[in-house]
Amino acid sequence: MKNYILRVLLILVLIGCASKKAMNPQDMGVDNIPENWENEIPITINISDIWWNEFQDENLNQFLSQFLDENINLEQAMLNTRIAKQASVISTSNLFPSIGISALAGESEQNSAGFPPIFTSLFGGQSDEIITFNQENYNLSLNTQWEIDLWGKMRQGRLAGKQQYLSAKYNYTYYQFSLTSEATKLYFSIIESKQLVENAEQKYNNAKLIFNLYASRYNKGIISLKALQQSELMFNLAKSDLENKKSIASSLVREAKVLIKEYPDLTLDIAKEFPQSIPNIPDVLPADIVKRRPDLIASQYNLLASEALNKQAMRSLYPSFSLVGSTGTSSNVQDFLNDDFSVWSNGINLLAPVFNAGKLIANKKIAKTNKEIAMLEFVNNLLTAYKEVESGLEFDQSAQLSLKLLKDNIVLSESIYDTTFDEFAKGVASIEEVINANNALFDNKNILASVERIRIEQRINLILALGGGFTYKR
């Protein structure tokens, strides 16, 4: 539970730390941004940052708590974020000197066999005498190299690395929002599937009752064989439908168990009914989307990173300057600490690109193209976000109306079925009328369960489109 709370707080902190210098959509070529949405957002006071708490379903809260702690996909995404962070460290390290220590210990043996006679006498021997001698060498040195960032090339690389890390971090936040939303949808899909199983069981029981009644009448010679076969056909179809719906419900439960990293059995606490309370919609203006949605913030950082990389590629065409130096000691081991054997060197390297077969120019063109791609990607993501919100608001309103109409239809269908079955029991209504009334009743019940789920999914999609958890501000 502690890890769950920390993860939720991390999400909220990241949202609260949105880019202070959010890009203006009009600067990116996106015009006619309205001040308000085409479909009005209902004003609500009680907005929860942890939006799924508003369903008031403890089973759901427990499921999502385990999901945030244990989900494998979230763990993989977090590890990718850590990789991006270390890449940022690498890009920053280029600004600082590199220092290394090297040590060498060596021993060699040579003889004068390969030297001319005149050199043999230098070693203290006769011209025709072969002399063997040993040599030991020990070296310890400290080396350093530092490229002077005269043109800001490495500073742009550091900036790009930082922006790429921030982009990865906000992408992870949005990915976490998205996966949490999908896990919540799966939970309510399981509720729907269990209600469909319950409806199928009732439909099966009704079909069995009708079949038994027709079998009794057939045995008494009251009805024909064809009528009995019709009731048996309805009974078999109801039984097959029940088994199919049970299989679907079991499959969804197993999928949910995998999400929380547990063995995919069928033990999962799920509410029997859809919640009466659903999360409220945060009051967010169109202009606020660009600085509230984590995926859009990530796109902005990605664009900034591509701009920095473009500048870095341009400055790679300029000459580079590096300071180099080394100090150390080189001698026989017995004189290793004697100052007379110390050695040092320092200098400056100048490297100016003259010819590299167009490599640097090609890198510059690639960086510029990547910048243009990042800009188009940001604009596309922004327009998609506006579309998701506008469509979500419209769907949300239509789902409320559909739900009300379906509940009215359920009442009418139950009344029609009860009346038809009573008439059938008295021999007034036909088997076809009973079958039609029975099918209509449970078709409406199944549609109601699906609409309940769709209404919740659309509300979740809308919350995700608006950026996730919010604190109400007016």
Protein backbone atom coordinates (compact mmCIF):
# COMPACT_ATOMS: atom_id res chain seq x y z
CA MET A 1 0.00 0.00 0.00
CA LYS A 2 2.94 2.31 0.74
CA ASN A 3 4.32 1.85 -2.78
CA TYR A 4 0.86 2.47 -4.20
CA ILE A 5 0.58 5.82 -2.39
CA LEU A 6 4.07 6.82 -3.52
CA ARG A 7 3.26 6.00 -7.15
CA VAL A 8 0.06 8.05 -7.03
CA LEU A 9 1.89 10.99 -5.44
CA LEU A 10 4.54 10.74 -8.16
CA ILE A 11 1.86 11.03 -10.83
CA LEU A 12 0.40 14.13 -9.18
CA VAL A 13 3.81 15.75 -8.68
CA LEU A 14 4.71 15.24 -12.34
CA ILE A 15 1.43 16.80 -13.41
CA GLY A 16 2.03 19.69 -11.02
CA CYS A 17 5.50 20.18 -12.50
CA ALA A 18 4.24 20.72 -16.02
CA SER A 19 6.33 22.86 -18.31
CA LYS A 20 6.21 26.49 -17.19
CA LYS A 21 6.92 27.64 -20.73
CA ALA A 22 4.23 25.74 -22.57
CA MET A 23 4.23 26.27 -26.30
CA ASN A 24 1.58 28.44 -27.84
CA PRO A 25 -0.47 26.33 -30.30
CA GLN A 26 -0.82 29.34 -32.62
CA ASP A 27 2.97 29.57 -32.88
CA MET A 28 2.92 26.00 -34.22
CA GLY A 29 0.39 26.80 -36.93
CA VAL A 30 -2.72 25.68 -35.00
CA ASP A 31 -5.25 28.48 -35.37
CA ASN A 32 -8.81 29.09 -34.22
CA ILE A 33 -8.37 27.56 -30.77
CA PRO A 34 -11.68 28.31 -28.98
CA GLU A 35 -11.82 29.75 -25.49
CA ASN A 36 -14.29 27.04 -24.44
CA TRP A 37 -15.29 23.58 -25.64
CA GLU A 38 -18.18 23.19 -28.05
CA ASN A 39 -19.90 20.95 -25.50
CA GLU A 40 -20.07 22.49 -22.05
CA ILE A 41 -18.42 20.79 -19.08
CA PRO A 42 -20.80 20.52 -16.11
CA ILE A 43 -19.45 22.42 -13.12
CA THR A 44 -18.72 20.11 -10.20
CA ILE A 45 -17.11 20.98 -6.90
CA ASN A 46 -15.83 17.62 -5.64
CA ILE A 47 -12.98 16.60 -7.92
CA SER A 48 -10.63 13.88 -6.70
CA ASP A 49 -7.00 13.81 -7.85
CA ILE A 50 -7.18 10.01 -7.70
CA TRP A 51 -10.19 9.84 -9.99
CA TRP A 52 -10.95 6.14 -9.57
CA ASN A 53 -11.75 6.73 -5.89
CA GLU A 54 -14.92 8.49 -7.03
CA PHE A 55 -16.38 5.16 -8.13
CA GLN A 56 -16.60 4.35 -4.39
CA ASP A 57 -15.70 0.72 -5.07
CA GLU A 58 -13.24 -0.79 -2.60
CA ASN A 59 -12.70 -3.82 -4.81
CA LEU A 60 -11.64 -1.52 -7.64
CA ASN A 61 -9.33 0.45 -5.34
CA GLN A 62 -7.66 -2.75 -4.17
CA PHE A 63 -7.29 -4.02 -7.73
CA LEU A 64 -5.67 -0.79 -8.95
CA SER A 65 -3.43 -0.67 -5.88
CA GLN A 66 -2.03 -4.08 -6.81
CA PHE A 67 -1.87 -3.06 -10.47
CA LEU A 68 0.28 0.01 -9.78
CA ASP A 69 2.59 -2.00 -7.53
CA GLU A 70 2.94 -5.18 -9.56
CA ASN A 71 2.18 -4.60 -13.24
CA ILE A 72 5.03 -5.82 -15.44
CA ASN A 73 4.43 -3.31 -18.25
CA LEU A 74 4.70 -0.41 -15.80
CA GLU A 75 7.95 -1.83 -14.44
CA GLN A 76 9.37 -2.09 -17.95
CA ALA A 77 8.36 1.50 -18.72
CA MET A 78 10.01 2.69 -15.51
CA LEU A 79 13.24 0.89 -16.45
CA ASN A 80 13.20 2.63 -19.85
CA THR A 81 12.89 5.95 -18.03
CA ARG A 82 15.95 5.09 -15.97
CA ILE A 83 17.87 4.38 -19.17
CA ALA A 84 16.90 7.84 -20.47
CA LYS A 85 18.13 9.37 -17.22
CA GLN A 86 21.53 7.71 -17.53
CA ALA A 87 21.74 8.85 -21.16
CA SER A 88 21.25 12.39 -19.84
CA VAL A 89 24.13 11.85 -17.41
CA ILE A 90 26.34 10.70 -20.29
CA SER A 91 25.55 13.80 -22.36
CA THR A 92 26.35 16.03 -19.37
CA SER A 93 29.68 14.31 -18.71
CA ASN A 94 31.06 15.53 -22.05
CA LEU A 95 31.32 19.03 -20.59
CA PHE A 96 33.87 17.97 -17.99
CA PRO A 97 37.47 16.81 -18.27
CA SER A 98 38.17 13.11 -18.51
CA ILE A 99 40.88 11.89 -16.14
CA GLY A 100 42.50 8.47 -16.18
CA ILE A 101 45.31 6.64 -14.47
CA SER A 102 47.53 4.20 -16.32
CA ALA A 103 50.22 1.89 -14.99
CA LEU A 104 52.77 -0.24 -16.81
CA ALA A 105 55.22 -2.83 -15.54
CA GLY A 106 57.47 -4.61 -18.01
CA GLU A 107 60.63 -6.71 -18.17
CA SER A 108 62.57 -7.68 -21.29
CA GLU A 109 65.68 -9.68 -22.14
CA GLN A 110 67.84 -9.03 -25.21
CA ASN A 111 71.19 -10.15 -26.58
CA SER A 112 73.72 -8.75 -29.00
CA ALA A 113 73.33 -11.47 -31.57
CA GLY A 114 71.44 -9.24 -33.91
CA PHE A 115 73.66 -6.17 -33.50
CA PRO A 116 76.67 -5.26 -35.69
CA PRO A 117 80.10 -6.03 -34.12
CA ILE A 118 80.74 -2.35 -33.42
CA PHE A 119 77.69 -2.25 -31.06
CA THR A 120 78.82 -5.42 -29.23
CA SER A 121 81.87 -3.61 -27.90
CA LEU A 122 79.61 -0.94 -26.43
CA PHE A 123 78.09 -3.59 -24.14
CA GLY A 124 81.56 -4.52 -22.79
CA GLY A 125 82.21 -7.64 -24.86
CA GLN A 126 84.38 -8.81 -27.72
CA SER A 127 83.22 -8.37 -31.27
CA ASP A 128 82.53 -12.08 -31.64
CA GLU A 129 80.96 -12.52 -28.19
CA ILE A 130 77.16 -12.67 -27.65
CA ILE A 131 76.07 -10.70 -24.59
CA THR A 132 72.66 -11.08 -22.87
CA PHE A 133 71.16 -8.22 -20.83
CA ASN A 134 67.82 -7.57 -18.98
CA GLN A 135 65.75 -4.40 -18.81
CA GLU A 136 62.92 -3.51 -16.38
CA ASN A 137 60.54 -0.59 -16.85
CA TYR A 138 57.77 0.70 -14.57
CA ASN A 139 55.43 3.53 -15.45
CA LEU A 140 52.64 5.30 -13.56
CA SER A 141 50.90 8.25 -15.19
CA LEU A 142 47.87 10.52 -14.77
CA ASN A 143 46.26 11.56 -18.07
CA THR A 144 43.61 14.17 -18.72
CA GLN A 145 41.76 15.53 -21.74
CA TRP A 146 39.22 18.33 -21.86
CA GLU A 147 37.47 19.58 -24.97
CA ILE A 148 36.82 23.30 -24.69
CA ASP A 149 33.17 23.94 -25.52
CA LEU A 150 33.94 27.13 -27.39
CA TRP A 151 30.88 26.98 -29.67
CA GLY A 152 28.40 25.48 -27.20
CA LYS A 153 28.23 22.14 -29.05
CA MET A 154 28.41 20.01 -25.91
CA ARG A 155 26.11 22.33 -23.99
CA GLN A 156 23.49 21.72 -26.66
CA GLY A 157 24.10 17.98 -26.27
CA ARG A 158 23.60 18.26 -22.53
CA LEU A 159 20.40 20.25 -23.06
CA ALA A 160 19.13 17.66 -25.54
CA GLY A 161 19.87 14.84 -23.11
CA LYS A 162 17.99 16.58 -20.33
CA GLN A 163 15.00 17.31 -22.57
CA GLN A 164 14.94 13.71 -23.81
CA TYR A 165 14.91 12.46 -20.23
CA LEU A 166 12.04 14.78 -19.32
CA SER A 167 10.18 13.64 -22.43
CA ALA A 168 10.66 10.01 -21.39
CA LYS A 169 9.53 10.80 -17.85
CA TYR A 170 6.29 12.47 -18.97
CA ASN A 171 5.69 9.74 -21.52
CA TYR A 172 5.94 7.27 -18.66
CA THR A 173 3.43 9.31 -16.66
CA TYR A 174 0.97 9.29 -19.53
CA TYR A 175 1.63 5.60 -20.12
CA GLN A 176 0.86 5.00 -16.46
CA PHE A 177 -2.38 6.99 -16.78
CA SER A 178 -3.30 5.07 -19.89
CA LEU A 179 -2.59 1.62 -18.46
CA THR A 180 -4.45 2.49 -15.26
CA SER A 181 -7.42 3.55 -17.37
CA GLU A 182 -7.29 0.31 -19.35
CA ALA A 183 -7.09 -1.72 -16.13
CA THR A 184 -10.14 0.15 -14.81
CA LYS A 185 -12.02 -0.52 -18.04
CA LEU A 186 -11.15 -4.21 -17.76
CA TYR A 187 -12.55 -4.27 -14.22
CA PHE A 188 -15.88 -2.91 -15.44
CA SER A 189 -15.82 -5.24 -18.44
CA ILE A 190 -15.72 -8.09 -15.93
CA ILE A 191 -18.76 -6.64 -14.16
CA GLU A 192 -20.52 -6.44 -17.52
CA SER A 193 -19.57 -10.02 -18.39
CA LYS A 194 -20.88 -11.31 -15.07
CA GLN A 195 -24.16 -9.46 -15.60
CA LEU A 196 -24.40 -10.97 -19.06
CA VAL A 197 -23.87 -14.40 -17.51
CA GLU A 198 -26.61 -13.67 -14.99
CA ASN A 199 -28.96 -12.57 -17.77
CA ALA A 200 -28.09 -15.69 -19.77
CA GLU A 201 -28.87 -17.85 -16.76
CA GLN A 202 -32.27 -16.21 -16.36
CA LYS A 203 -32.92 -16.61 -20.07
CA TYR A 204 -31.88 -20.26 -19.81
CA ASN A 205 -34.19 -20.83 -16.85
CA ASN A 206 -37.09 -19.25 -18.73
CA ALA A 207 -36.36 -21.39 -21.80
CA LYS A 208 -36.18 -24.49 -19.60
CA LEU A 209 -39.50 -23.62 -17.98
CA ILE A 210 -41.16 -23.18 -21.37
CA PHE A 211 -39.62 -26.42 -22.68
CA ASN A 212 -40.81 -28.40 -19.65
CA LEU A 213 -44.28 -26.92 -20.00
CA TYR A 214 -44.40 -27.80 -23.70
CA ALA A 215 -43.08 -31.31 -23.04
CA SER A 216 -45.90 -31.83 -20.55
CA ARG A 217 -48.48 -30.58 -23.05
CA TYR A 218 -47.00 -32.71 -25.81
CA ASN A 219 -47.20 -35.81 -23.66
CA LYS A 220 -50.86 -35.04 -23.10
CA GLY A 221 -51.40 -34.62 -26.82
CA ILE A 222 -52.31 -30.94 -26.52
CA ILE A 223 -49.60 -29.52 -28.81
CA SER A 224 -47.82 -30.73 -31.92
CA LEU A 225 -44.30 -32.10 -32.22
CA LYS A 226 -43.28 -28.97 -34.12
CA ALA A 227 -44.20 -26.73 -31.17
CA LEU A 228 -42.20 -28.97 -28.82
CA GLN A 229 -39.20 -28.82 -31.14
CA GLN A 230 -39.40 -25.02 -31.25
CA SER A 231 -39.25 -24.85 -27.46
CA GLU A 232 -36.36 -27.34 -27.41
CA LEU A 233 -34.49 -25.24 -29.98
CA MET A 234 -34.90 -22.14 -27.81
CA PHE A 235 -33.72 -24.14 -24.77
CA ASN A 236 -30.57 -25.39 -26.52
CA LEU A 237 -29.69 -21.94 -27.84
CA ALA A 238 -30.08 -20.46 -24.36
CA LYS A 239 -27.82 -23.14 -22.89
CA SER A 240 -25.15 -22.57 -25.56
CA ASP A 241 -25.29 -18.80 -25.05
CA LEU A 242 -24.86 -19.27 -21.30
CA GLU A 243 -21.74 -21.38 -21.73
CA ASN A 244 -20.21 -18.88 -24.17
CA LYS A 245 -20.78 -15.97 -21.80
CA LYS A 246 -19.28 -17.92 -18.90
CA SER A 247 -16.19 -18.57 -21.00
CA ILE A 248 -15.83 -14.88 -21.88
CA ALA A 249 -16.21 -13.84 -18.23
CA SER A 250 -13.55 -16.34 -17.15
CA SER A 251 -11.16 -15.09 -19.83
CA LEU A 252 -11.51 -11.49 -18.64
CA VAL A 253 -10.87 -12.46 -15.02
CA ARG A 254 -7.72 -14.35 -16.02
CA GLU A 255 -6.54 -11.31 -17.96
CA ALA A 256 -7.04 -9.14 -14.89
CA LYS A 257 -5.03 -11.56 -12.74
CA VAL A 258 -2.11 -11.32 -15.17
CA LEU A 259 -2.19 -7.52 -14.91
CA ILE A 260 -1.56 -7.73 -11.15
CA LYS A 261 1.14 -10.39 -11.65
CA GLU A 262 -0.79 -13.27 -10.12
CA TYR A 263 -1.53 -16.76 -11.34
CA PRO A 264 -4.47 -16.53 -13.81
CA ASP A 265 -7.10 -18.34 -11.79
CA LEU A 266 -10.69 -17.16 -11.28
CA THR A 267 -10.36 -15.75 -7.75
CA LEU A 268 -10.85 -12.00 -8.01
CA ASP A 269 -13.07 -9.75 -5.91
CA ILE A 270 -15.39 -7.87 -8.24
CA ALA A 271 -18.49 -5.80 -7.50
CA LYS A 272 -21.78 -7.25 -8.73
CA GLU A 273 -23.26 -3.97 -9.91
CA PHE A 274 -21.97 -0.94 -11.76
CA PRO A 275 -21.26 2.02 -9.46
CA GLN A 276 -23.88 4.69 -9.01
CA SER A 277 -21.15 7.31 -8.64
CA ILE A 278 -18.69 8.05 -11.44
CA PRO A 279 -15.77 10.53 -11.52
CA ASN A 280 -16.62 14.14 -12.20
CA ILE A 281 -15.19 15.99 -15.17
CA PRO A 282 -12.48 18.57 -14.37
CA ASP A 283 -13.11 22.09 -15.62
CA VAL A 284 -10.25 22.60 -18.07
CA LEU A 285 -10.05 25.17 -20.86
CA PRO A 286 -8.79 24.26 -24.34
CA ALA A 287 -5.72 26.46 -23.89
CA ASP A 288 -4.76 24.52 -20.74
CA ILE A 289 -4.52 21.15 -22.46
CA VAL A 290 -1.06 21.83 -23.87
CA LYS A 291 0.43 22.22 -20.38
CA ARG A 292 -1.71 19.66 -18.53
CA ARG A 293 -1.56 16.46 -20.59
CA PRO A 294 1.64 14.51 -19.91
CA ASP A 295 1.88 13.23 -23.50
CA LEU A 296 1.72 16.79 -24.86
CA ILE A 297 4.33 17.93 -22.35
CA ALA A 298 6.49 15.02 -23.48
CA SER A 299 6.03 16.10 -27.12
CA GLN A 300 7.14 19.61 -26.21
CA TYR A 301 10.30 18.34 -24.54
CA ASN A 302 10.95 16.08 -27.51
CA LEU A 303 10.68 19.07 -29.83
CA LEU A 304 13.06 21.10 -27.64
CA ALA A 305 15.50 18.19 -27.66
CA SER A 306 15.39 17.99 -31.45
CA GLU A 307 16.09 21.72 -31.67
CA ALA A 308 19.12 21.33 -29.40
CA LEU A 309 20.40 18.38 -31.43
CA ASN A 310 19.98 20.44 -34.60
CA LYS A 311 22.14 23.20 -33.11
CA GLN A 312 24.68 20.65 -31.94
CA ALA A 313 24.92 19.16 -35.44
CA MET A 314 25.51 22.64 -36.87
CA ARG A 315 28.29 23.38 -34.39
CA SER A 316 29.96 20.06 -35.15
CA LEU A 317 31.08 21.73 -38.39
CA TYR A 318 33.28 24.18 -36.43
CA PRO A 319 36.85 23.45 -35.25
CA SER A 320 37.23 21.81 -31.84
CA PHE A 321 39.89 22.54 -29.21
CA SER A 322 41.05 20.09 -26.56
CA LEU A 323 43.46 20.52 -23.66
CA VAL A 324 45.57 17.41 -23.02
CA GLY A 325 48.06 16.69 -20.28
CA SER A 326 49.77 13.91 -18.41
CA THR A 327 52.12 13.50 -15.48
CA GLY A 328 53.76 10.45 -13.97
CA THR A 329 56.89 8.52 -13.14
CA SER A 330 58.92 6.12 -15.23
CA SER A 331 62.02 4.25 -13.94
CA ASN A 332 63.38 1.03 -12.55
CA VAL A 333 61.43 -0.15 -9.58
CA GLN A 334 64.16 0.71 -7.07
CA ASP A 335 64.09 4.38 -8.17
CA PHE A 336 60.33 4.61 -8.70
CA LEU A 337 59.84 7.44 -6.20
CA ASN A 338 62.88 9.44 -7.24
CA ASP A 339 61.93 12.86 -8.63
CA ASP A 340 64.62 12.54 -11.28
CA PHE A 341 62.41 9.98 -13.06
CA SER A 342 59.19 12.05 -13.19
CA VAL A 343 57.73 12.86 -16.60
CA TRP A 344 54.98 15.23 -17.71
CA SER A 345 53.45 16.74 -20.82
CA ASN A 346 50.68 19.15 -21.76
CA GLY A 347 49.35 20.75 -24.89
CA ILE A 348 46.34 21.75 -26.93
CA ASN A 349 44.78 19.89 -29.85
CA LEU A 350 43.03 21.62 -32.72
CA LEU A 351 40.80 19.57 -35.00
CA ALA A 352 39.06 21.25 -37.91
CA PRO A 353 36.92 19.15 -40.26
CA VAL A 354 38.22 19.44 -43.82
CA PHE A 355 36.95 16.38 -45.63
CA ASN A 356 34.74 13.54 -44.36
CA ALA A 357 32.74 12.67 -47.49
CA GLY A 358 29.74 14.76 -46.42
CA LYS A 359 29.23 12.96 -43.09
CA LEU A 360 28.82 16.09 -40.95
CA ILE A 361 26.59 17.79 -43.51
CA ALA A 362 24.40 14.68 -43.65
CA ASN A 363 24.18 14.63 -39.84
CA LYS A 364 23.09 18.28 -39.92
CA LYS A 365 20.37 17.53 -42.47
CA ILE A 366 19.18 14.54 -40.44
CA ALA A 367 18.97 16.67 -37.29
CA LYS A 368 17.00 19.35 -39.12
CA THR A 369 14.60 16.76 -40.52
CA ASN A 370 14.13 15.22 -37.07
CA LYS A 371 13.28 18.67 -35.76
CA GLU A 372 10.60 19.10 -38.44
CA ILE A 373 9.23 15.63 -37.66
CA ALA A 374 9.07 16.46 -33.94
CA MET A 375 7.19 19.67 -34.72
CA LEU A 376 4.65 17.86 -36.90
CA GLU A 377 4.27 15.18 -34.24
CA PHE A 378 3.54 17.79 -31.59
CA VAL A 379 0.92 19.50 -33.76
CA ASN A 380 -0.71 16.16 -34.58
CA ASN A 381 -0.76 15.14 -30.90
CA LEU A 382 -2.28 18.48 -29.95
CA LEU A 383 -5.05 18.29 -32.54
CA THR A 384 -5.72 14.67 -31.57
CA ALA A 385 -6.03 15.76 -27.94
CA TYR A 386 -8.61 18.42 -28.87
CA LYS A 387 -10.52 15.84 -30.91
CA GLU A 388 -10.52 13.37 -28.01
CA VAL A 389 -11.92 15.96 -25.61
CA GLU A 390 -14.62 17.26 -27.95
CA SER A 391 -15.69 13.73 -28.94
CA GLY A 392 -15.54 12.59 -25.33
CA LEU A 393 -17.81 15.39 -24.16
CA GLU A 394 -20.31 14.62 -26.91
CA PHE A 395 -20.26 10.86 -26.25
CA ASP A 396 -20.58 11.45 -22.53
CA GLN A 397 -23.80 13.38 -22.98
CA SER A 398 -25.30 10.86 -25.41
CA ALA A 399 -24.43 7.96 -23.10
CA GLN A 400 -26.42 9.53 -20.27
CA LEU A 401 -29.48 9.81 -22.51
CA SER A 402 -29.10 6.25 -23.85
CA LEU A 403 -28.86 4.87 -20.33
CA LYS A 404 -32.10 6.54 -19.28
CA LEU A 405 -33.97 5.28 -22.34
CA LEU A 406 -32.72 1.72 -21.86
CA LYS A 407 -33.82 1.63 -18.23
CA ASP A 408 -37.29 2.64 -19.39
CA ASN A 409 -37.19 -0.13 -22.02
CA ILE A 410 -36.29 -2.72 -19.37
CA VAL A 411 -39.41 -1.85 -17.39
CA LEU A 412 -41.55 -2.13 -20.52
CA SER A 413 -39.91 -5.42 -21.60
CA GLU A 414 -40.45 -7.03 -18.20
CA SER A 415 -44.11 -6.03 -18.26
CA ILE A 416 -44.57 -7.39 -21.80
CA TYR A 417 -42.88 -10.69 -20.93
CA ASP A 418 -44.91 -11.23 -17.75
CA THR A 419 -48.15 -10.51 -19.60
CA THR A 420 -47.23 -12.75 -22.55
CA PHE A 421 -46.18 -15.64 -20.32
CA ASP A 422 -49.42 -15.45 -18.34
CA GLU A 423 -51.36 -15.54 -21.61
CA PHE A 424 -49.20 -18.44 -22.80
CA ALA A 425 -49.89 -20.40 -19.62
CA LYS A 426 -53.61 -19.90 -20.23
CA GLY A 427 -53.23 -21.05 -23.83
CA VAL A 428 -53.96 -17.63 -25.31
CA ALA A 429 -50.46 -16.62 -26.51
CA SER A 430 -48.36 -18.72 -28.89
CA ILE A 431 -44.86 -20.07 -28.36
CA GLU A 432 -43.50 -17.54 -30.87
CA GLU A 433 -44.87 -14.65 -28.82
CA VAL A 434 -43.28 -16.00 -25.64
CA ILE A 435 -39.93 -16.55 -27.35
CA ASN A 436 -39.97 -13.04 -28.82
CA ALA A 437 -40.89 -11.47 -25.47
CA ASN A 438 -38.20 -13.47 -23.68
CA ASN A 439 -35.53 -12.53 -26.23
CA ALA A 440 -36.54 -8.87 -26.20
CA LEU A 441 -36.32 -8.71 -22.40
CA PHE A 442 -32.83 -10.15 -22.13
CA ASP A 443 -31.55 -8.38 -25.21
CA ASN A 444 -32.49 -5.11 -23.52
CA LYS A 445 -30.84 -6.23 -20.28
CA ASN A 446 -27.67 -7.13 -22.14
CA ILE A 447 -27.67 -3.81 -23.96
CA LEU A 448 -28.16 -2.03 -20.62
CA ALA A 449 -25.09 -3.76 -19.16
CA SER A 450 -23.05 -2.81 -22.23
CA VAL A 451 -24.23 0.81 -22.14
CA GLU A 452 -23.37 1.03 -18.44
CA ARG A 453 -19.85 -0.11 -19.27
CA ILE A 454 -19.55 2.17 -22.29
CA ARG A 455 -20.74 5.16 -20.25
CA ILE A 456 -18.01 4.52 -17.67
CA GLU A 457 -15.38 3.93 -20.36
CA GLN A 458 -16.28 7.18 -22.08
CA ARG A 459 -15.99 9.07 -18.80
CA ILE A 460 -12.58 7.47 -18.18
CA ASN A 461 -11.47 8.36 -21.73
CA LEU A 462 -12.60 11.92 -21.19
CA ILE A 463 -10.67 12.22 -17.93
CA LEU A 464 -7.60 10.81 -19.66
CA ALA A 465 -8.06 13.23 -22.58
CA LEU A 466 -8.17 16.12 -20.11
CA GLY A 467 -4.91 15.02 -18.54
CA GLY A 468 -5.74 12.68 -15.67
CA GLY A 469 -6.06 13.72 -12.03
CA PHE A 470 -6.76 17.34 -11.18
CA THR A 471 -7.42 19.56 -8.22
CA TYR A 472 -10.51 21.69 -8.78
CA LYS A 473 -9.82 25.36 -9.45
CA ARG A 474 -12.35 27.98 -10.37
